[in-house]
Amino acid sequence: MSEFKHKHSLGQNLFIMVWLFPTKNFLKDKKVLTKIIDSIDVNSNDLIIEVGPGQGALTKFLKLFHAHLRCFEVDTRVKKYLTFYEDEKTKVIYDDFLHVDIENEIKDICYNDLYVIANLPYYITTPILSKMINSSLDVKAMVLMVQNEVANRLSAKVGTKDYGAITVFLNYYYDVEKLFFANIEFGGYQEYYYLKDEKFFFQLIKESFRMKRKNIKNNLKNYDLDIVLKVLQKYDLDLTVRAESISLECFVEMANTFCK
């Protein structure tokens, strides 16, 4: 079989882990593939959505679950590789996942739990996460293969340099855990954070991280700073703090206080 050359325009070349696997793409490493499979607990009555299967290196392992499988691939050149994996429970949809009506594609499938597994280039990681969050789908877990720097951002802890707006957004919806290099798992929806107005919450987070080197007083200067300070003080913080040092709980309380 001839070597398949990925389109650089699709970002697929971003997944070469040079320092960890210096001689090959990590999805050709069976140890890595086994770790990915071991990170989820799927049965035959579940549904897996795979985004960006490529030539099917991971798809081959996912089929071992004997679950329903829907693969979304934008590059039709890999059709000759993926056709081999299709059967009554596995279907490949050749379309841009960001533009697909997922609910419509899976409406006829009777399943228990839904899993999303994806090998993502940097530039579509956030859009795909946003699509899943804003969908009506009840996703039990998402397992994403991303660049290490992206994994660090998505799983960052409060007070670290990688902690940002996307970290707060995801931690509101999911339990986020970095399982091993370049692989992170998103657990089920959080049930213990109540927001009066999600739209306002997201706006507040974006404004708080608008300029990361600025403190919260500068970034939220258009808000009532007395309210901001009152909430911050409950967490032993003040207006000189930067957003990266403010926890999800504090942001939730701040947003809810504004919405009284």
Protein backbone atom coordinates (compact mmCIF):
# COMPACT_ATOMS: atom_id res chain seq x y z
CA MET A 1 0.00 0.00 0.00
CA SER A 2 1.44 3.37 -0.98
CA GLU A 3 2.09 5.99 1.73
CA PHE A 4 -0.76 8.46 2.03
CA LYS A 5 0.27 12.12 2.18
CA HIS A 6 -2.06 14.30 4.24
CA LYS A 7 -3.12 17.73 3.07
CA HIS A 8 -1.30 20.37 5.10
CA SER A 9 -4.32 22.64 4.57
CA LEU A 10 -6.41 20.28 6.70
CA GLY A 11 -4.00 20.52 9.59
CA GLN A 12 -3.50 16.77 9.86
CA ASN A 13 0.28 17.11 9.96
CA LEU A 14 0.01 18.79 13.36
CA PHE A 15 -0.17 15.44 15.12
CA ILE A 16 3.43 14.39 14.77
CA MET A 17 4.74 13.99 18.33
CA VAL A 18 8.38 14.38 17.49
CA TRP A 19 9.89 14.24 20.97
CA LEU A 20 7.66 11.35 22.15
CA PHE A 21 7.48 9.25 18.99
CA PRO A 22 10.40 10.51 16.88
CA THR A 23 9.98 8.17 13.91
CA LYS A 24 6.26 7.97 13.27
CA ASN A 25 2.83 9.51 13.56
CA PHE A 26 1.44 8.66 16.99
CA LEU A 27 -1.72 7.07 15.56
CA LYS A 28 0.48 4.40 14.02
CA ASP A 29 1.73 3.40 17.46
CA LYS A 30 -0.29 0.45 18.81
CA LYS A 31 0.61 1.27 22.42
CA VAL A 32 -0.91 4.74 22.07
CA LEU A 33 -3.99 3.38 20.32
CA THR A 34 -4.45 0.82 23.08
CA LYS A 35 -4.25 3.56 25.73
CA ILE A 36 -6.92 5.55 23.90
CA ILE A 37 -9.23 2.53 23.76
CA ASP A 38 -8.59 1.68 27.42
CA SER A 39 -9.58 5.21 28.47
CA ILE A 40 -13.27 4.61 27.68
CA ASP A 41 -15.76 1.94 28.65
CA VAL A 42 -18.04 1.29 25.69
CA ASN A 43 -20.47 -1.57 25.09
CA SER A 44 -22.22 -2.83 21.98
CA ASN A 45 -25.36 -0.76 22.63
CA ASP A 46 -23.47 2.54 22.71
CA LEU A 47 -22.67 5.01 19.92
CA ILE A 48 -19.23 6.38 19.10
CA ILE A 49 -18.76 9.46 16.94
CA GLU A 50 -15.26 9.66 15.50
CA VAL A 51 -14.14 12.97 14.01
CA GLY A 52 -11.30 12.83 11.51
CA PRO A 53 -10.64 9.08 11.13
CA GLY A 54 -8.06 9.62 8.37
CA GLN A 55 -6.98 6.24 7.06
CA GLY A 56 -8.73 4.42 9.91
CA ALA A 57 -5.85 3.68 12.27
CA LEU A 58 -8.01 4.39 15.33
CA THR A 59 -11.26 3.31 13.62
CA LYS A 60 -9.94 -0.25 13.42
CA PHE A 61 -9.55 -0.32 17.21
CA LEU A 62 -12.90 1.38 17.87
CA LYS A 63 -14.66 -1.38 15.97
CA LEU A 64 -13.49 -3.84 18.62
CA PHE A 65 -16.23 -2.45 20.87
CA HIS A 66 -18.87 -3.66 18.36
CA ALA A 67 -20.75 -0.43 19.09
CA HIS A 68 -22.55 1.83 16.63
CA LEU A 69 -19.91 3.96 14.95
CA ARG A 70 -20.29 7.13 12.88
CA CYS A 71 -17.12 8.58 11.40
CA PHE A 72 -16.99 12.10 10.00
CA GLU A 73 -14.20 12.78 7.51
CA VAL A 74 -13.76 15.90 5.38
CA ASP A 75 -11.03 14.46 3.13
CA THR A 76 -12.60 12.19 0.50
CA ARG A 77 -9.18 10.96 -0.62
CA VAL A 78 -9.18 8.50 2.29
CA LYS A 79 -12.40 6.83 1.15
CA LYS A 80 -10.50 3.90 -0.31
CA TYR A 81 -9.08 3.18 3.16
CA LEU A 82 -12.25 3.71 5.20
CA THR A 83 -14.65 1.74 3.00
CA PHE A 84 -13.11 -1.43 4.40
CA TYR A 85 -14.45 -0.64 7.88
CA GLU A 86 -18.06 0.07 6.94
CA ASP A 87 -20.81 -2.39 7.80
CA GLU A 88 -24.33 -2.36 9.28
CA LYS A 89 -23.14 -0.60 12.46
CA THR A 90 -20.35 1.53 11.03
CA LYS A 91 -20.90 4.39 8.60
CA VAL A 92 -18.53 7.04 7.27
CA ILE A 93 -19.96 10.48 6.46
CA TYR A 94 -17.76 12.52 4.12
CA ASP A 95 -18.51 16.05 5.21
CA ASP A 96 -17.17 18.86 7.38
CA PHE A 97 -18.13 17.93 10.94
CA LEU A 98 -18.61 21.59 11.82
CA HIS A 99 -21.36 21.89 9.18
CA VAL A 100 -23.06 18.55 9.76
CA ASP A 101 -26.41 18.24 11.48
CA ILE A 102 -25.27 15.58 13.95
CA GLU A 103 -28.65 15.07 15.54
CA ASN A 104 -30.15 14.29 12.12
CA GLU A 105 -27.32 11.90 11.22
CA ILE A 106 -27.84 9.75 14.31
CA LYS A 107 -31.61 10.11 14.82
CA ASP A 108 -32.33 6.57 13.62
CA ILE A 109 -29.78 4.91 15.89
CA CYS A 110 -31.04 3.36 19.12
CA TYR A 111 -28.19 3.61 21.62
CA ASN A 112 -27.47 3.94 25.34
CA ASP A 113 -24.42 6.17 25.82
CA LEU A 114 -22.75 8.52 23.35
CA TYR A 115 -18.99 8.98 23.08
CA VAL A 116 -17.06 11.44 20.91
CA ILE A 117 -13.51 10.55 19.91
CA ALA A 118 -11.47 12.86 17.72
CA ASN A 119 -7.98 13.49 16.41
CA LEU A 120 -7.99 17.29 16.20
CA PRO A 121 -5.72 19.88 14.62
CA TYR A 122 -5.26 23.01 16.71
CA TYR A 123 -7.39 25.37 14.65
CA ILE A 124 -10.66 23.41 14.93
CA THR A 125 -10.37 22.18 18.52
CA THR A 126 -12.37 25.05 20.03
CA PRO A 127 -15.03 25.15 17.26
CA ILE A 128 -15.70 21.43 17.61
CA LEU A 129 -15.91 21.66 21.39
CA SER A 130 -18.31 24.59 21.03
CA LYS A 131 -20.43 22.60 18.57
CA MET A 132 -20.75 19.70 20.97
CA ILE A 133 -21.50 21.92 23.96
CA ASN A 134 -24.19 23.81 22.07
CA SER A 135 -25.81 20.67 20.65
CA SER A 136 -28.73 18.88 22.25
CA LEU A 137 -26.73 15.66 22.48
CA ASP A 138 -26.13 14.01 25.83
CA VAL A 139 -22.45 13.08 25.50
CA LYS A 140 -21.12 10.79 28.21
CA ALA A 141 -17.48 11.45 27.40
CA MET A 142 -15.22 13.03 24.79
CA VAL A 143 -11.72 11.75 24.23
CA LEU A 144 -9.61 14.06 22.09
CA MET A 145 -6.13 13.69 20.66
CA VAL A 146 -4.60 17.14 20.45
CA GLN A 147 -1.21 18.81 20.56
CA ASN A 148 0.36 18.81 24.02
CA GLU A 149 0.12 22.60 24.34
CA VAL A 150 -3.62 22.43 23.61
CA ALA A 151 -4.11 19.60 26.11
CA ASN A 152 -2.36 21.73 28.71
CA ARG A 153 -4.73 24.63 28.07
CA LEU A 154 -7.89 22.54 28.17
CA SER A 155 -6.91 20.73 31.38
CA ALA A 156 -5.11 23.61 33.12
CA LYS A 157 -5.54 24.29 36.82
CA VAL A 158 -6.46 27.70 38.18
CA GLY A 159 -3.39 29.85 38.82
CA THR A 160 -1.27 28.32 36.05
CA LYS A 161 -0.10 30.07 32.88
CA ASP A 162 -2.20 27.78 30.65
CA TYR A 163 -5.45 28.57 32.47
CA GLY A 164 -7.71 30.65 30.22
CA ALA A 165 -11.25 31.33 29.06
CA ILE A 166 -11.57 28.00 27.23
CA THR A 167 -10.49 26.20 30.43
CA VAL A 168 -13.26 27.87 32.43
CA PHE A 169 -15.88 27.18 29.74
CA LEU A 170 -15.04 23.48 29.58
CA ASN A 171 -14.84 23.02 33.34
CA TYR A 172 -18.32 24.48 33.65
CA TYR A 173 -19.67 21.73 31.38
CA TYR A 174 -17.30 18.82 31.92
CA ASP A 175 -14.85 17.17 34.27
CA VAL A 176 -11.63 17.53 32.29
CA GLU A 177 -8.74 15.15 32.80
CA LYS A 178 -5.47 14.85 30.93
CA LEU A 179 -4.96 11.09 30.74
CA PHE A 180 -1.55 10.95 29.09
CA PHE A 181 0.43 12.94 26.58
CA ALA A 182 -1.81 14.71 24.06
CA ASN A 183 -4.93 12.84 25.10
CA ILE A 184 -7.63 14.36 27.31
CA GLU A 185 -10.97 13.04 28.43
CA PHE A 186 -14.10 15.08 29.02
CA GLY A 187 -16.38 13.44 31.55
CA GLY A 188 -20.09 14.01 32.03
CA TYR A 189 -21.84 17.33 32.47
CA GLN A 190 -21.32 19.11 35.77
CA GLU A 191 -24.47 19.09 37.88
CA TYR A 192 -23.47 21.33 40.77
CA TYR A 193 -23.03 24.73 39.08
CA TYR A 194 -26.18 26.72 38.55
CA LEU A 195 -26.10 29.76 36.28
CA LYS A 196 -28.88 32.31 36.07
CA ASP A 197 -27.72 33.48 32.64
CA GLU A 198 -25.22 31.39 30.63
CA LYS A 199 -24.87 34.05 27.93
CA PHE A 200 -23.83 36.65 30.48
CA PHE A 201 -21.46 34.16 32.13
CA PHE A 202 -19.65 33.51 28.85
CA GLN A 203 -19.43 37.24 28.17
CA LEU A 204 -17.97 37.84 31.62
CA ILE A 205 -15.34 35.13 31.13
CA LYS A 206 -14.28 36.47 27.73
CA GLU A 207 -13.94 40.00 29.13
CA SER A 208 -12.01 38.74 32.15
CA PHE A 209 -9.40 37.07 29.96
CA ARG A 210 -9.45 39.77 27.27
CA MET A 211 -5.91 40.89 28.12
CA LYS A 212 -4.18 38.16 30.14
CA ARG A 213 -1.43 40.43 31.46
CA LYS A 214 -3.97 42.90 32.85
CA ASN A 215 -5.63 42.52 36.22
CA ILE A 216 -9.36 42.01 36.66
CA LYS A 217 -9.88 45.67 37.51
CA ASN A 218 -8.69 46.68 34.05
CA ASN A 219 -10.40 43.92 32.12
CA LEU A 220 -13.76 44.46 33.85
CA LYS A 221 -13.61 48.23 34.07
CA ASN A 222 -16.97 48.47 32.29
CA TYR A 223 -18.65 46.40 35.01
CA ASP A 224 -19.68 47.40 38.51
CA LEU A 225 -16.35 46.83 40.28
CA ASP A 226 -17.97 46.97 43.71
CA ILE A 227 -19.86 43.79 42.84
CA VAL A 228 -16.73 42.20 41.41
CA LEU A 229 -14.71 43.04 44.53
CA LYS A 230 -17.40 41.78 46.89
CA VAL A 231 -17.35 38.36 45.26
CA LEU A 232 -13.56 38.22 44.94
CA GLN A 233 -13.10 38.96 48.64
CA LYS A 234 -15.12 35.85 49.50
CA TYR A 235 -12.34 33.89 47.80
CA ASP A 236 -9.53 35.89 49.45
CA LEU A 237 -8.86 37.83 46.25
CA ASP A 238 -9.02 41.48 45.24
CA LEU A 239 -9.18 43.62 42.09
CA THR A 240 -5.44 43.31 41.45
CA VAL A 241 -5.80 39.60 40.66
CA ARG A 242 -5.53 38.31 37.11
CA ALA A 243 -8.25 36.13 35.61
CA GLU A 244 -5.96 33.10 35.56
CA SER A 245 -6.12 33.04 39.38
CA ILE A 246 -9.93 33.07 39.58
CA SER A 247 -11.65 29.70 39.97
CA LEU A 248 -14.71 28.48 38.11
CA GLU A 249 -16.73 28.67 41.34
CA CYS A 250 -15.80 32.33 41.78
CA PHE A 251 -16.72 33.19 38.19
CA VAL A 252 -20.09 31.43 38.54
CA GLU A 253 -20.89 33.33 41.73
CA MET A 254 -19.80 36.61 40.17
CA ALA A 255 -22.03 36.10 37.13
CA ASN A 256 -25.00 35.14 39.30
CA THR A 257 -24.49 38.16 41.56
CA PHE A 258 -24.69 40.47 38.56
CA CYS A 259 -27.90 38.76 37.46
CA LYS A 260 -29.83 39.25 40.71
